[in-house]
Amino acid sequence: EREFVGTLSRSGESTRYADSVKGRFTISRDNAKNAVYLQMNSLKAED
């Protein structure tokens, strides 16, 4: 099933991550480019 990974709040001030990716993944936003990013580090096979 589809699994939650992470979210960035509407205000852009807060983030929340699934326990399985916490500390490894980071969500960010670039308003100038109108883009959202997911930086994934220390990747595992289960990702």
All heavy atoms as atom14 arrays in JSON, in Angstrom:
{
  "sequence": "EREFVGTLSRSGESTRYADSVKGRFTISRDNAKNAVYLQMNSLKAED",
  "atom14_mask": [
    [1, 1, 1, 1, 1, 1, 1, 1, 1, 0, 0, 0, 0, 0],
    [1, 1, 1, 1, 1, 1, 1, 1, 1, 1, 1, 0, 0, 0],
    [1, 1, 1, 1, 1, 1, 1, 1, 1, 0, 0, 0, 0, 0],
    [1, 1, 1, 1, 1, 1, 1, 1, 1, 1, 1, 0, 0, 0],
    [1, 1, 1, 1, 1, 1, 1, 0, 0, 0, 0, 0, 0, 0],
    [1, 1, 1, 1, 0, 0, 0, 0, 0, 0, 0, 0, 0, 0],
    [1, 1, 1, 1, 1, 1, 1, 0, 0, 0, 0, 0, 0, 0],
    [1, 1, 1, 1, 1, 1, 1, 1, 0, 0, 0, 0, 0, 0],
    [1, 1, 1, 1, 1, 1, 0, 0, 0, 0, 0, 0, 0, 0],
    [1, 1, 1, 1, 1, 1, 1, 1, 1, 1, 1, 0, 0, 0],
    [1, 1, 1, 1, 1, 1, 0, 0, 0, 0, 0, 0, 0, 0],
    [1, 1, 1, 1, 0, 0, 0, 0, 0, 0, 0, 0, 0, 0],
    [1, 1, 1, 1, 1, 1, 1, 1, 1, 0, 0, 0, 0, 0],
    [1, 1, 1, 1, 1, 1, 0, 0, 0, 0, 0, 0, 0, 0],
    [1, 1, 1, 1, 1, 1, 1, 0, 0, 0, 0, 0, 0, 0],
    [1, 1, 1, 1, 1, 1, 1, 1, 1, 1, 1, 0, 0, 0],
    [1, 1, 1, 1, 1, 1, 1, 1, 1, 1, 1, 1, 0, 0],
    [1, 1, 1, 1, 1, 0, 0, 0, 0, 0, 0, 0, 0, 0],
    [1, 1, 1, 1, 1, 1, 1, 1, 0, 0, 0, 0, 0, 0],
    [1, 1, 1, 1, 1, 1, 0, 0, 0, 0, 0, 0, 0, 0],
    [1, 1, 1, 1, 1, 1, 1, 0, 0, 0, 0, 0, 0, 0],
    [1, 1, 1, 1, 1, 1, 1, 1, 1, 0, 0, 0, 0, 0],
    [1, 1, 1, 1, 0, 0, 0, 0, 0, 0, 0, 0, 0, 0],
    [1, 1, 1, 1, 1, 1, 1, 1, 1, 1, 1, 0, 0, 0],
    [1, 1, 1, 1, 1, 1, 1, 1, 1, 1, 1, 0, 0, 0],
    [1, 1, 1, 1, 1, 1, 1, 0, 0, 0, 0, 0, 0, 0],
    [1, 1, 1, 1, 1, 1, 1, 1, 0, 0, 0, 0, 0, 0],
    [1, 1, 1, 1, 1, 1, 0, 0, 0, 0, 0, 0, 0, 0],
    [1, 1, 1, 1, 1, 1, 1, 1, 1, 1, 1, 0, 0, 0],
    [1, 1, 1, 1, 1, 1, 1, 1, 0, 0, 0, 0, 0, 0],
    [1, 1, 1, 1, 1, 1, 1, 1, 0, 0, 0, 0, 0, 0],
    [1, 1, 1, 1, 1, 0, 0, 0, 0, 0, 0, 0, 0, 0],
    [1, 1, 1, 1, 1, 1, 1, 1, 1, 0, 0, 0, 0, 0],
    [1, 1, 1, 1, 1, 1, 1, 1, 0, 0, 0, 0, 0, 0],
    [1, 1, 1, 1, 1, 0, 0, 0, 0, 0, 0, 0, 0, 0],
    [1, 1, 1, 1, 1, 1, 1, 0, 0, 0, 0, 0, 0, 0],
    [1, 1, 1, 1, 1, 1, 1, 1, 1, 1, 1, 1, 0, 0],
    [1, 1, 1, 1, 1, 1, 1, 1, 0, 0, 0, 0, 0, 0],
    [1, 1, 1, 1, 1, 1, 1, 1, 1, 0, 0, 0, 0, 0],
    [1, 1, 1, 1, 1, 1, 1, 1, 0, 0, 0, 0, 0, 0],
    [1, 1, 1, 1, 1, 1, 1, 1, 0, 0, 0, 0, 0, 0],
    [1, 1, 1, 1, 1, 1, 0, 0, 0, 0, 0, 0, 0, 0],
    [1, 1, 1, 1, 1, 1, 1, 1, 0, 0, 0, 0, 0, 0],
    [1, 1, 1, 1, 1, 1, 1, 1, 1, 0, 0, 0, 0, 0],
    [1, 1, 1, 1, 1, 0, 0, 0, 0, 0, 0, 0, 0, 0],
    [1, 1, 1, 1, 1, 1, 1, 1, 1, 0, 0, 0, 0, 0],
    [1, 1, 1, 1, 1, 1, 1, 1, 0, 0, 0, 0, 0, 0]
  ],
  "atom14_positions": [
    [[0.83, -1.2, 0.0], [0.0, 0.0, 0.0], [0.86, 1.25, 0.0], [2.04, 1.22, 0.38], [-0.93, 0.0, 1.22], [-1.95, -1.11, 1.22], [-2.9, -1.03, 2.4], [-2.69, -0.18, 3.28], [-3.85, -1.82, 2.44], [0.0, 0.0, 0.0], [0.0, 0.0, 0.0], [0.0, 0.0, 0.0], [0.0, 0.0, 0.0], [0.0, 0.0, 0.0]],
    [[0.27, 2.34, -0.43], [0.97, 3.61, -0.43], [1.36, 3.99, 1.0], [0.56, 3.84, 1.93], [0.08, 4.69, -1.04], [0.81, 6.01, -1.33], [-0.16, 7.04, -1.89], [-0.81, 6.6, -3.1], [-0.33, 6.72, -4.33], [0.86, 7.31, -4.51], [-1.0, 6.29, -5.36], [0.0, 0.0, 0.0], [0.0, 0.0, 0.0], [0.0, 0.0, 0.0]],
    [[2.57, 4.49, 1.16], [3.13, 4.77, 2.47], [3.54, 6.23, 2.58], [4.18, 6.79, 1.68], [4.34, 3.87, 2.72], [5.06, 4.11, 4.03], [6.34, 3.31, 4.14], [6.86, 2.88, 3.09], [6.82, 3.1, 5.27], [0.0, 0.0, 0.0], [0.0, 0.0, 0.0], [0.0, 0.0, 0.0], [0.0, 0.0, 0.0], [0.0, 0.0, 0.0]],
    [[3.19, 6.84, 3.69], [3.6, 8.21, 3.96], [5.1, 8.28, 4.18], [5.67, 7.43, 4.88], [2.87, 8.73, 5.2], [3.41, 10.03, 5.74], [3.13, 11.23, 5.11], [4.19, 10.03, 6.88], [3.63, 12.42, 5.61], [4.68, 11.22, 7.39], [4.41, 12.41, 6.75], [0.0, 0.0, 0.0], [0.0, 0.0, 0.0], [0.0, 0.0, 0.0]],
    [[5.75, 9.28, 3.6], [7.18, 9.48, 3.76], [7.46, 10.72, 4.61], [8.16, 10.65, 5.62], [7.89, 9.6, 2.41], [9.36, 9.94, 2.6], [7.73, 8.32, 1.61], [0.0, 0.0, 0.0], [0.0, 0.0, 0.0], [0.0, 0.0, 0.0], [0.0, 0.0, 0.0], [0.0, 0.0, 0.0], [0.0, 0.0, 0.0], [0.0, 0.0, 0.0]],
    [[6.94, 11.85, 4.19], [7.18, 13.08, 4.93], [6.33, 14.21, 4.39], [5.8, 14.15, 3.28], [0.0, 0.0, 0.0], [0.0, 0.0, 0.0], [0.0, 0.0, 0.0], [0.0, 0.0, 0.0], [0.0, 0.0, 0.0], [0.0, 0.0, 0.0], [0.0, 0.0, 0.0], [0.0, 0.0, 0.0], [0.0, 0.0, 0.0], [0.0, 0.0, 0.0]],
    [[6.22, 15.27, 5.17], [5.42, 16.41, 4.77], [6.04, 17.7, 5.28], [6.72, 17.72, 6.31], [3.97, 16.28, 5.26], [3.19, 17.38, 4.78], [3.9, 16.25, 6.79], [0.0, 0.0, 0.0], [0.0, 0.0, 0.0], [0.0, 0.0, 0.0], [0.0, 0.0, 0.0], [0.0, 0.0, 0.0], [0.0, 0.0, 0.0], [0.0, 0.0, 0.0]],
    [[5.8, 18.76, 4.54], [6.22, 20.11, 4.9], [4.96, 20.94, 5.07], [4.08, 20.93, 4.21], [7.11, 20.7, 3.81], [7.65, 22.12, 4.01], [8.61, 22.17, 5.18], [8.34, 22.59, 2.74], [0.0, 0.0, 0.0], [0.0, 0.0, 0.0], [0.0, 0.0, 0.0], [0.0, 0.0, 0.0], [0.0, 0.0, 0.0], [0.0, 0.0, 0.0]],
    [[4.87, 21.64, 6.17], [3.66, 22.38, 6.5], [3.37, 23.49, 5.52], [4.25, 23.95, 4.78], [3.75, 22.94, 7.92], [4.73, 23.97, 7.98], [0.0, 0.0, 0.0], [0.0, 0.0, 0.0], [0.0, 0.0, 0.0], [0.0, 0.0, 0.0], [0.0, 0.0, 0.0], [0.0, 0.0, 0.0], [0.0, 0.0, 0.0], [0.0, 0.0, 0.0]],
    [[2.12, 23.94, 5.53], [1.7, 25.03, 4.65], [2.52, 26.28, 4.89], [2.85, 27.0, 3.94], [0.21, 25.3, 4.88], [-0.4, 26.36, 4.0], [-1.91, 26.35, 4.12], [-2.34, 26.49, 5.51], [-3.61, 26.42, 5.9], [-4.57, 26.21, 5.0], [-3.92, 26.56, 7.18], [0.0, 0.0, 0.0], [0.0, 0.0, 0.0], [0.0, 0.0, 0.0]],
    [[2.86, 26.54, 6.14], [3.66, 27.71, 6.48], [5.13, 27.54, 6.1], [5.87, 28.52, 6.02], [3.55, 28.0, 7.97], [4.17, 26.98, 8.73], [0.0, 0.0, 0.0], [0.0, 0.0, 0.0], [0.0, 0.0, 0.0], [0.0, 0.0, 0.0], [0.0, 0.0, 0.0], [0.0, 0.0, 0.0], [0.0, 0.0, 0.0], [0.0, 0.0, 0.0]],
    [[5.55, 26.31, 5.89], [6.94, 26.04, 5.57], [7.86, 26.01, 6.76], [9.08, 25.92, 6.6], [0.0, 0.0, 0.0], [0.0, 0.0, 0.0], [0.0, 0.0, 0.0], [0.0, 0.0, 0.0], [0.0, 0.0, 0.0], [0.0, 0.0, 0.0], [0.0, 0.0, 0.0], [0.0, 0.0, 0.0], [0.0, 0.0, 0.0], [0.0, 0.0, 0.0]],
    [[7.29, 26.05, 7.95], [8.09, 26.12, 9.16], [8.3, 24.78, 9.84], [9.19, 24.64, 10.68], [7.43, 27.08, 10.16], [7.34, 28.51, 9.65], [6.61, 29.43, 10.62], [5.95, 28.92, 11.54], [6.72, 30.66, 10.47], [0.0, 0.0, 0.0], [0.0, 0.0, 0.0], [0.0, 0.0, 0.0], [0.0, 0.0, 0.0], [0.0, 0.0, 0.0]],
    [[7.49, 23.78, 9.5], [7.54, 22.51, 10.2], [7.58, 21.35, 9.21], [7.02, 21.42, 8.12], [6.33, 22.34, 11.11], [6.28, 23.37, 12.09], [0.0, 0.0, 0.0], [0.0, 0.0, 0.0], [0.0, 0.0, 0.0], [0.0, 0.0, 0.0], [0.0, 0.0, 0.0], [0.0, 0.0, 0.0], [0.0, 0.0, 0.0], [0.0, 0.0, 0.0]],
    [[8.24, 20.27, 9.63], [8.28, 19.04, 8.86], [7.9, 17.87, 9.74], [8.01, 17.93, 10.96], [9.67, 18.78, 8.26], [10.65, 18.81, 9.31], [10.02, 19.84, 7.23], [0.0, 0.0, 0.0], [0.0, 0.0, 0.0], [0.0, 0.0, 0.0], [0.0, 0.0, 0.0], [0.0, 0.0, 0.0], [0.0, 0.0, 0.0], [0.0, 0.0, 0.0]],
    [[7.45, 16.8, 9.09], [7.11, 15.58, 9.79], [7.48, 14.41, 8.89], [7.22, 14.45, 7.69], [5.63, 15.55, 10.15], [5.19, 14.33, 10.94], [3.74, 14.45, 11.34], [3.27, 13.28, 12.06], [2.06, 13.12, 12.54], [1.16, 14.08, 12.37], [1.72, 12.02, 13.18], [0.0, 0.0, 0.0], [0.0, 0.0, 0.0], [0.0, 0.0, 0.0]],
    [[8.08, 13.39, 9.48], [8.55, 12.25, 8.7], [8.09, 10.94, 9.31], [7.88, 10.83, 10.52], [10.07, 12.24, 8.63], [10.66, 13.48, 7.99], [11.11, 14.54, 8.78], [10.77, 13.58, 6.61], [11.64, 15.68, 8.2], [11.31, 14.72, 6.03], [11.74, 15.76, 6.83], [12.27, 16.89, 6.25], [0.0, 0.0, 0.0], [0.0, 0.0, 0.0]],
    [[7.96, 9.94, 8.46], [7.73, 8.59, 8.94], [8.95, 8.12, 9.72], [10.09, 8.51, 9.41], [7.45, 7.65, 7.77], [0.0, 0.0, 0.0], [0.0, 0.0, 0.0], [0.0, 0.0, 0.0], [0.0, 0.0, 0.0], [0.0, 0.0, 0.0], [0.0, 0.0, 0.0], [0.0, 0.0, 0.0], [0.0, 0.0, 0.0], [0.0, 0.0, 0.0]],
    [[8.72, 7.29, 10.71], [9.82, 6.8, 11.53], [10.87, 6.07, 10.7], [12.07, 6.12, 11.01], [9.3, 5.87, 12.62], [8.54, 6.6, 13.71], [8.7, 7.83, 13.83], [7.78, 5.94, 14.44], [0.0, 0.0, 0.0], [0.0, 0.0, 0.0], [0.0, 0.0, 0.0], [0.0, 0.0, 0.0], [0.0, 0.0, 0.0], [0.0, 0.0, 0.0]],
    [[10.44, 5.42, 9.64], [11.34, 4.64, 8.82], [12.36, 5.48, 8.05], [13.4, 4.97, 7.63], [10.55, 3.78, 7.83], [9.74, 4.58, 6.99], [0.0, 0.0, 0.0], [0.0, 0.0, 0.0], [0.0, 0.0, 0.0], [0.0, 0.0, 0.0], [0.0, 0.0, 0.0], [0.0, 0.0, 0.0], [0.0, 0.0, 0.0], [0.0, 0.0, 0.0]],
    [[12.08, 6.77, 7.87], [12.98, 7.63, 7.11], [13.52, 8.79, 7.93], [14.39, 9.54, 7.44], [12.3, 8.18, 5.84], [11.73, 7.05, 5.0], [11.21, 9.19, 6.19], [0.0, 0.0, 0.0], [0.0, 0.0, 0.0], [0.0, 0.0, 0.0], [0.0, 0.0, 0.0], [0.0, 0.0, 0.0], [0.0, 0.0, 0.0], [0.0, 0.0, 0.0]],
    [[13.05, 8.96, 9.13], [13.46, 10.08, 9.97], [14.97, 10.07, 10.18], [15.56, 9.04, 10.49], [12.73, 10.03, 11.3], [12.87, 11.28, 12.16], [12.03, 11.17, 13.43], [10.56, 11.02, 13.1], [9.73, 10.94, 14.34], [0.0, 0.0, 0.0], [0.0, 0.0, 0.0], [0.0, 0.0, 0.0], [0.0, 0.0, 0.0], [0.0, 0.0, 0.0]],
    [[15.58, 11.22, 9.99], [17.02, 11.34, 10.13], [17.78, 11.08, 8.85], [18.97, 11.38, 8.77], [0.0, 0.0, 0.0], [0.0, 0.0, 0.0], [0.0, 0.0, 0.0], [0.0, 0.0, 0.0], [0.0, 0.0, 0.0], [0.0, 0.0, 0.0], [0.0, 0.0, 0.0], [0.0, 0.0, 0.0], [0.0, 0.0, 0.0], [0.0, 0.0, 0.0]],
    [[17.1, 10.51, 7.85], [17.74, 10.2, 6.57], [17.19, 11.03, 5.42], [17.93, 11.38, 4.5], [17.57, 8.72, 6.23], [18.18, 7.77, 7.26], [18.14, 6.32, 6.77], [16.78, 5.84, 6.57], [16.28, 5.41, 5.42], [17.05, 5.41, 4.34], [15.03, 4.97, 5.34], [0.0, 0.0, 0.0], [0.0, 0.0, 0.0], [0.0, 0.0, 0.0]],
    [[15.9, 11.35, 5.47], [15.24, 12.09, 4.4], [14.92, 13.51, 4.86], [14.6, 13.74, 6.02], [13.94, 11.41, 3.98], [14.1, 10.09, 3.27], [15.33, 9.45, 3.21], [13.01, 9.5, 2.67], [15.47, 8.24, 2.56], [13.14, 8.29, 2.01], [14.36, 7.65, 1.96], [0.0, 0.0, 0.0], [0.0, 0.0, 0.0], [0.0, 0.0, 0.0]],
    [[14.95, 14.45, 3.92], [14.63, 15.84, 4.22], [13.8, 16.44, 3.1], [14.18, 16.35, 1.93], [15.9, 16.69, 4.4], [16.73, 16.13, 5.42], [15.53, 18.12, 4.78], [0.0, 0.0, 0.0], [0.0, 0.0, 0.0], [0.0, 0.0, 0.0], [0.0, 0.0, 0.0], [0.0, 0.0, 0.0], [0.0, 0.0, 0.0], [0.0, 0.0, 0.0]],
    [[12.68, 17.03, 3.45], [11.83, 17.74, 2.49], [12.17, 19.22, 2.53], [12.34, 19.79, 3.6], [10.35, 17.53, 2.8], [9.97, 16.06, 2.66], [9.47, 18.38, 1.88], [8.54, 15.76, 3.08], [0.0, 0.0, 0.0], [0.0, 0.0, 0.0], [0.0, 0.0, 0.0], [0.0, 0.0, 0.0], [0.0, 0.0, 0.0], [0.0, 0.0, 0.0]],
    [[12.23, 19.84, 1.37], [12.48, 21.27, 1.29], [11.69, 21.87, 0.14], [11.14, 21.16, -0.69], [13.97, 21.57, 1.13], [14.47, 21.02, -0.08], [0.0, 0.0, 0.0], [0.0, 0.0, 0.0], [0.0, 0.0, 0.0], [0.0, 0.0, 0.0], [0.0, 0.0, 0.0], [0.0, 0.0, 0.0], [0.0, 0.0, 0.0], [0.0, 0.0, 0.0]],
    [[11.64, 23.19, 0.12], [10.88, 23.9, -0.91], [11.7, 25.07, -1.41], [12.36, 25.77, -0.63], [9.55, 24.38, -0.31], [8.65, 25.07, -1.29], [7.42, 25.75, -0.66], [7.05, 25.38, 0.67], [5.85, 24.9, 1.02], [4.91, 24.72, 0.1], [5.59, 24.63, 2.28], [0.0, 0.0, 0.0], [0.0, 0.0, 0.0], [0.0, 0.0, 0.0]],
    [[11.69, 25.29, -2.71], [12.34, 26.43, -3.33], [11.25, 27.25, -4.01], [10.8, 26.92, -5.09], [13.39, 25.99, -4.34], [14.22, 27.15, -4.87], [13.74, 28.29, -4.89], [15.38, 26.91, -5.28], [0.0, 0.0, 0.0], [0.0, 0.0, 0.0], [0.0, 0.0, 0.0], [0.0, 0.0, 0.0], [0.0, 0.0, 0.0], [0.0, 0.0, 0.0]],
    [[10.84, 28.32, -3.36], [9.74, 29.12, -3.88], [10.08, 29.81, -5.2], [9.21, 29.99, -6.05], [9.31, 30.15, -2.85], [8.65, 29.53, -1.64], [8.07, 28.45, -1.73], [8.75, 30.2, -0.5], [0.0, 0.0, 0.0], [0.0, 0.0, 0.0], [0.0, 0.0, 0.0], [0.0, 0.0, 0.0], [0.0, 0.0, 0.0], [0.0, 0.0, 0.0]],
    [[11.34, 30.2, -5.37], [11.75, 30.86, -6.61], [11.59, 29.94, -7.81], [11.27, 30.39, -8.91], [13.19, 31.34, -6.5], [0.0, 0.0, 0.0], [0.0, 0.0, 0.0], [0.0, 0.0, 0.0], [0.0, 0.0, 0.0], [0.0, 0.0, 0.0], [0.0, 0.0, 0.0], [0.0, 0.0, 0.0], [0.0, 0.0, 0.0], [0.0, 0.0, 0.0]],
    [[11.83, 28.65, -7.61], [11.69, 27.66, -8.68], [10.33, 26.98, -8.67], [10.04, 26.18, -9.57], [12.79, 26.6, -8.56], [14.19, 27.13, -8.82], [15.2, 26.01, -8.74], [16.58, 26.47, -9.19], [17.13, 27.51, -8.29], [0.0, 0.0, 0.0], [0.0, 0.0, 0.0], [0.0, 0.0, 0.0], [0.0, 0.0, 0.0], [0.0, 0.0, 0.0]],
    [[9.51, 27.28, -7.68], [8.2, 26.64, -7.53], [8.36, 25.12, -7.53], [7.69, 24.4, -8.28], [7.23, 27.08, -8.63], [5.78, 26.9, -8.24], [5.44, 26.88, -7.06], [4.9, 26.76, -9.23], [0.0, 0.0, 0.0], [0.0, 0.0, 0.0], [0.0, 0.0, 0.0], [0.0, 0.0, 0.0], [0.0, 0.0, 0.0], [0.0, 0.0, 0.0]],
    [[9.26, 24.65, -6.68], [9.59, 23.23, -6.65], [9.71, 22.73, -5.22], [9.99, 23.5, -4.3], [10.89, 22.98, -7.4], [0.0, 0.0, 0.0], [0.0, 0.0, 0.0], [0.0, 0.0, 0.0], [0.0, 0.0, 0.0], [0.0, 0.0, 0.0], [0.0, 0.0, 0.0], [0.0, 0.0, 0.0], [0.0, 0.0, 0.0], [0.0, 0.0, 0.0]],
    [[9.53, 21.43, -5.07], [9.67, 20.74, -3.81], [10.7, 19.64, -3.99], [10.76, 19.02, -5.06], [8.33, 20.15, -3.33], [8.5, 19.42, -2.01], [7.29, 21.25, -3.2], [0.0, 0.0, 0.0], [0.0, 0.0, 0.0], [0.0, 0.0, 0.0], [0.0, 0.0, 0.0], [0.0, 0.0, 0.0], [0.0, 0.0, 0.0], [0.0, 0.0, 0.0]],
    [[11.48, 19.36, -2.97], [12.54, 18.38, -3.07], [12.46, 17.36, -1.94], [11.96, 17.64, -0.85], [13.9, 19.05, -3.03], [14.08, 20.11, -4.08], [13.9, 21.45, -3.78], [14.41, 19.77, -5.39], [14.05, 22.43, -4.75], [14.55, 20.74, -6.37], [14.37, 22.07, -6.03], [14.52, 23.03, -7.0], [0.0, 0.0, 0.0], [0.0, 0.0, 0.0]],
    [[12.98, 16.18, -2.22], [13.15, 15.15, -1.2], [14.59, 14.67, -1.28], [14.96, 13.97, -2.22], [12.19, 13.98, -1.41], [12.31, 12.84, -0.4], [11.92, 13.31, 1.0], [11.44, 11.65, -0.82], [0.0, 0.0, 0.0], [0.0, 0.0, 0.0], [0.0, 0.0, 0.0], [0.0, 0.0, 0.0], [0.0, 0.0, 0.0], [0.0, 0.0, 0.0]],
    [[15.39, 15.08, -0.31], [16.77, 14.63, -0.22], [16.8, 13.33, 0.56], [16.35, 13.29, 1.71], [17.64, 15.68, 0.47], [19.09, 15.29, 0.64], [19.83, 15.14, -0.67], [19.73, 16.01, -1.53], [20.56, 14.05, -0.83], [0.0, 0.0, 0.0], [0.0, 0.0, 0.0], [0.0, 0.0, 0.0], [0.0, 0.0, 0.0], [0.0, 0.0, 0.0]],
    [[17.33, 12.29, -0.04], [17.36, 10.97, 0.57], [18.81, 10.55, 0.77], [19.56, 10.42, -0.2], [16.62, 9.95, -0.29], [15.19, 10.36, -0.62], [14.28, 9.07, -1.52], [15.2, 9.06, -3.05], [0.0, 0.0, 0.0], [0.0, 0.0, 0.0], [0.0, 0.0, 0.0], [0.0, 0.0, 0.0], [0.0, 0.0, 0.0], [0.0, 0.0, 0.0]],
    [[19.19, 10.33, 2.01], [20.54, 9.9, 2.35], [20.49, 8.54, 3.03], [19.45, 8.11, 3.52], [21.21, 10.92, 3.28], [21.36, 12.28, 2.67], [21.59, 12.42, 1.47], [21.24, 13.32, 3.5], [0.0, 0.0, 0.0], [0.0, 0.0, 0.0], [0.0, 0.0, 0.0], [0.0, 0.0, 0.0], [0.0, 0.0, 0.0], [0.0, 0.0, 0.0]],
    [[21.63, 7.88, 3.07], [21.75, 6.57, 3.72], [20.65, 5.62, 3.24], [19.97, 4.97, 4.05], [21.72, 6.72, 5.24], [22.76, 7.56, 5.7], [0.0, 0.0, 0.0], [0.0, 0.0, 0.0], [0.0, 0.0, 0.0], [0.0, 0.0, 0.0], [0.0, 0.0, 0.0], [0.0, 0.0, 0.0], [0.0, 0.0, 0.0], [0.0, 0.0, 0.0]],
    [[20.49, 5.54, 1.96], [19.4, 4.74, 1.39], [19.56, 3.26, 1.68], [20.67, 2.73, 1.72], [19.32, 4.98, -0.11], [18.68, 6.32, -0.51], [19.01, 6.66, -1.96], [17.17, 6.25, -0.31], [0.0, 0.0, 0.0], [0.0, 0.0, 0.0], [0.0, 0.0, 0.0], [0.0, 0.0, 0.0], [0.0, 0.0, 0.0], [0.0, 0.0, 0.0]],
    [[18.42, 2.62, 1.87], [18.35, 1.19, 2.16], [17.55, 0.5, 1.07], [16.75, 1.13, 0.38], [17.69, 0.95, 3.52], [18.32, 1.69, 4.68], [17.51, 1.49, 5.95], [18.11, 2.25, 7.12], [17.3, 2.08, 8.35], [0.0, 0.0, 0.0], [0.0, 0.0, 0.0], [0.0, 0.0, 0.0], [0.0, 0.0, 0.0], [0.0, 0.0, 0.0]],
    [[17.72, -0.8, 0.97], [17.0, -1.57, -0.03], [15.49, -1.42, 0.15], [14.74, -1.39, -0.84], [17.39, -3.04, 0.03], [0.0, 0.0, 0.0], [0.0, 0.0, 0.0], [0.0, 0.0, 0.0], [0.0, 0.0, 0.0], [0.0, 0.0, 0.0], [0.0, 0.0, 0.0], [0.0, 0.0, 0.0], [0.0, 0.0, 0.0], [0.0, 0.0, 0.0]],
    [[15.04, -1.32, 1.38], [13.61, -1.2, 1.64], [13.04, 0.16, 1.25], [11.83, 0.36, 1.32], [13.3, -1.49, 3.12], [14.16, -0.71, 4.1], [15.34, -1.51, 4.61], [16.0, -2.18, 3.8], [15.6, -1.47, 5.83], [0.0, 0.0, 0.0], [0.0, 0.0, 0.0], [0.0, 0.0, 0.0], [0.0, 0.0, 0.0], [0.0, 0.0, 0.0]],
    [[13.89, 1.09, 0.84], [13.42, 2.37, 0.32], [12.98, 2.28, -1.14], [12.45, 3.25, -1.68], [14.5, 3.44, 0.45], [14.84, 3.77, 1.9], [13.91, 3.85, 2.73], [16.03, 3.97, 2.2], [0.0, 0.0, 0.0], [0.0, 0.0, 0.0], [0.0, 0.0, 0.0], [0.0, 0.0, 0.0], [0.0, 0.0, 0.0], [0.0, 0.0, 0.0]]
  ]
}
